[in-house]
């Protein structure tokens, strides 16, 4: 049995993180993954945590961040989670969520939120099994370019 390790991401994980991004239908470009990873690593309001099986194979990653809003104050939010398709249903996603919850607790953030795309139906029972409760359904709008 191979040994798995949960640890903070490092810049050299960018290639593997980009590969996993492709699994979710996002850009698998290593260059942009490295730029984004550098921003997250250098932010004290974010953490990116990976699960590795060996030194060069990342099986999954999770990003958790501190969010502040006028309505709810400070909370933690899981803003991304992906596990390699060949490694799913082996406890990796659960281990990553628990690591994100630990980060939140260490940062004195006692509420954690996750938003899950309605199209990712397999993720909904996963979070419910971890005692996350669906609070609302919403629409997400975006604008590609903002001009003044």
Protein backbone atom coordinates (compact mmCIF):
# COMPACT_ATOMS: atom_id res chain seq x y z
CA UNK A 1 0.00 0.00 0.00
CA UNK A 2 1.35 3.40 -0.99
CA UNK A 3 1.68 6.08 1.65
CA UNK A 4 -0.47 9.20 1.23
CA UNK A 5 0.41 12.53 2.75
CA UNK A 6 -1.71 15.66 3.27
CA UNK A 7 0.43 18.82 3.13
CA UNK A 8 0.42 22.48 2.06
CA UNK A 9 0.96 22.92 -1.67
CA UNK A 10 4.29 24.19 -2.98
CA UNK A 11 5.10 25.84 -6.31
CA UNK A 12 6.50 22.62 -7.76
CA UNK A 13 2.95 21.17 -7.50
CA UNK A 14 1.73 23.52 -10.26
CA UNK A 15 1.98 20.95 -13.07
CA UNK A 16 -0.05 18.37 -11.14
CA UNK A 17 -2.57 20.97 -9.99
CA UNK A 18 -3.01 22.07 -13.61
CA UNK A 19 -3.59 18.43 -14.62
CA UNK A 20 -6.29 18.09 -11.96
CA UNK A 21 -7.86 21.42 -13.06
CA UNK A 22 -8.36 19.82 -16.46
CA UNK A 23 -10.42 17.08 -14.80
CA UNK A 24 -12.96 19.73 -13.77
CA UNK A 25 -13.03 21.29 -17.22
CA UNK A 26 -10.83 24.27 -16.33
CA UNK A 27 -7.57 25.34 -17.93
CA UNK A 28 -4.83 22.73 -17.60
CA UNK A 29 -2.12 25.31 -18.40
CA UNK A 30 0.84 24.88 -16.03
CA UNK A 31 1.85 28.54 -16.42
CA UNK A 32 -1.45 29.96 -15.22
CA UNK A 33 -1.66 27.29 -12.49
CA UNK A 34 1.77 28.37 -11.25
CA UNK A 35 0.78 32.06 -11.22
CA UNK A 36 -2.47 31.34 -9.37
CA UNK A 37 -0.73 28.95 -6.99
CA UNK A 38 1.88 31.59 -6.14
CA UNK A 39 -0.88 34.09 -5.29
CA UNK A 40 -2.68 31.62 -3.04
CA UNK A 41 0.49 30.41 -1.31
CA UNK A 42 1.56 33.98 -0.54
CA UNK A 43 -1.85 34.97 0.88
CA UNK A 44 -2.38 34.62 4.61
CA UNK A 45 -6.14 34.50 3.94
CA UNK A 46 -5.89 31.36 1.81
CA UNK A 47 -4.54 27.85 2.04
CA UNK A 48 -4.08 25.25 -0.64
CA UNK A 49 -3.62 21.74 0.62
CA UNK A 50 -2.73 18.68 -1.46
CA UNK A 51 -2.78 14.95 -1.04
CA UNK A 52 0.22 13.25 -2.56
CA UNK A 53 0.94 9.58 -3.02
CA UNK A 54 4.55 9.99 -4.02
CA UNK A 55 6.83 12.99 -4.45
CA UNK A 56 5.57 13.90 -7.93
CA UNK A 57 1.94 12.71 -7.94
CA UNK A 58 -0.78 14.92 -6.45
CA UNK A 59 -4.03 12.98 -6.06
CA UNK A 60 -6.14 15.97 -5.03
CA UNK A 61 -6.18 19.55 -3.82
CA UNK A 62 -8.43 21.85 -1.82
CA UNK A 63 -8.42 25.63 -1.45
CA UNK A 64 -9.90 27.24 1.65
CA UNK A 65 -10.06 30.96 2.27
CA UNK A 66 -11.06 33.49 4.88
CA UNK A 67 -14.07 35.50 3.70
CA UNK A 68 -15.47 38.63 5.28
CA UNK A 69 -18.94 39.99 4.56
CA UNK A 70 -21.11 42.63 6.18
CA UNK A 71 -23.90 40.13 6.75
CA UNK A 72 -22.05 37.15 8.21
CA UNK A 73 -18.67 38.49 9.32
CA UNK A 74 -15.66 36.21 9.01
CA UNK A 75 -16.13 32.69 7.69
CA UNK A 76 -14.04 30.09 5.93
CA UNK A 77 -15.01 29.00 2.43
CA UNK A 78 -13.85 26.02 0.47
CA UNK A 79 -13.42 27.55 -2.97
CA UNK A 80 -12.11 24.50 -4.80
CA UNK A 81 -11.72 20.75 -4.36
CA UNK A 82 -10.71 18.13 -6.89
CA UNK A 83 -9.59 14.52 -6.58
CA UNK A 84 -8.05 12.53 -9.42
CA UNK A 85 -10.77 10.31 -10.96
CA UNK A 86 -8.69 7.18 -10.35
CA UNK A 87 -8.36 8.04 -6.65
CA UNK A 88 -11.97 8.92 -5.86
CA UNK A 89 -13.96 7.16 -3.14
CA UNK A 90 -10.80 6.31 -1.24
CA UNK A 91 -11.06 8.94 1.50
CA UNK A 92 -8.90 11.59 -0.17
CA UNK A 93 -11.67 14.18 -0.53
CA UNK A 94 -12.70 13.64 3.07
CA UNK A 95 -9.10 14.00 4.28
CA UNK A 96 -8.73 17.24 2.32
CA UNK A 97 -11.99 18.68 3.70
CA UNK A 98 -10.88 17.79 7.24
CA UNK A 99 -7.55 19.54 6.60
CA UNK A 100 -9.44 22.64 5.38
CA UNK A 101 -11.62 22.53 8.50
CA UNK A 102 -8.50 22.31 10.66
CA UNK A 103 -7.01 25.36 8.88
CA UNK A 104 -10.27 27.25 9.52
CA UNK A 105 -10.20 26.33 13.20
CA UNK A 106 -6.54 27.35 13.52
CA UNK A 107 -7.51 30.71 12.02
CA UNK A 108 -10.42 31.10 14.45
CA UNK A 109 -13.01 30.74 11.71
CA UNK A 110 -15.78 28.62 13.20
CA UNK A 111 -18.16 28.49 10.23
CA UNK A 112 -17.17 26.93 6.93
CA UNK A 113 -19.11 27.22 3.67
CA UNK A 114 -18.79 25.39 0.39
CA UNK A 115 -20.62 26.13 -2.84
CA UNK A 116 -21.16 23.21 -5.17
CA UNK A 117 -22.19 23.56 -8.79
CA UNK A 118 -25.65 22.07 -9.31
CA UNK A 119 -24.21 20.16 -12.29
CA UNK A 120 -21.71 18.32 -10.05
CA UNK A 121 -24.36 16.04 -8.61
CA UNK A 122 -21.83 13.56 -7.20
CA UNK A 123 -20.43 16.23 -4.87
CA UNK A 124 -23.74 16.94 -3.10
CA UNK A 125 -24.04 13.64 -1.19
CA UNK A 126 -20.29 13.85 -0.45
CA UNK A 127 -20.70 17.12 1.46
CA UNK A 128 -23.94 15.98 3.10
CA UNK A 129 -22.13 12.87 4.39
CA UNK A 130 -19.62 15.26 6.03
CA UNK A 131 -22.57 16.99 7.77
CA UNK A 132 -22.68 20.05 5.51
CA UNK A 133 -26.25 21.31 5.20
CA UNK A 134 -27.64 22.83 2.02
CA UNK A 135 -28.74 26.36 2.94
CA UNK A 136 -29.75 27.80 -0.41
CA UNK A 137 -29.70 27.47 -4.17
CA UNK A 138 -28.53 30.43 -6.18
CA UNK A 139 -27.59 31.59 -9.65
CA UNK A 140 -24.07 32.74 -10.41
CA UNK A 141 -23.52 35.56 -12.89
CA UNK A 142 -20.20 36.72 -14.26
CA UNK A 143 -18.98 39.42 -16.56
CA UNK A 144 -15.88 38.70 -18.61
CA UNK A 145 -14.50 42.23 -18.82
CA UNK A 146 -15.22 45.13 -16.57
CA UNK A 147 -14.94 48.55 -18.17
CA UNK A 148 -15.25 51.99 -16.66
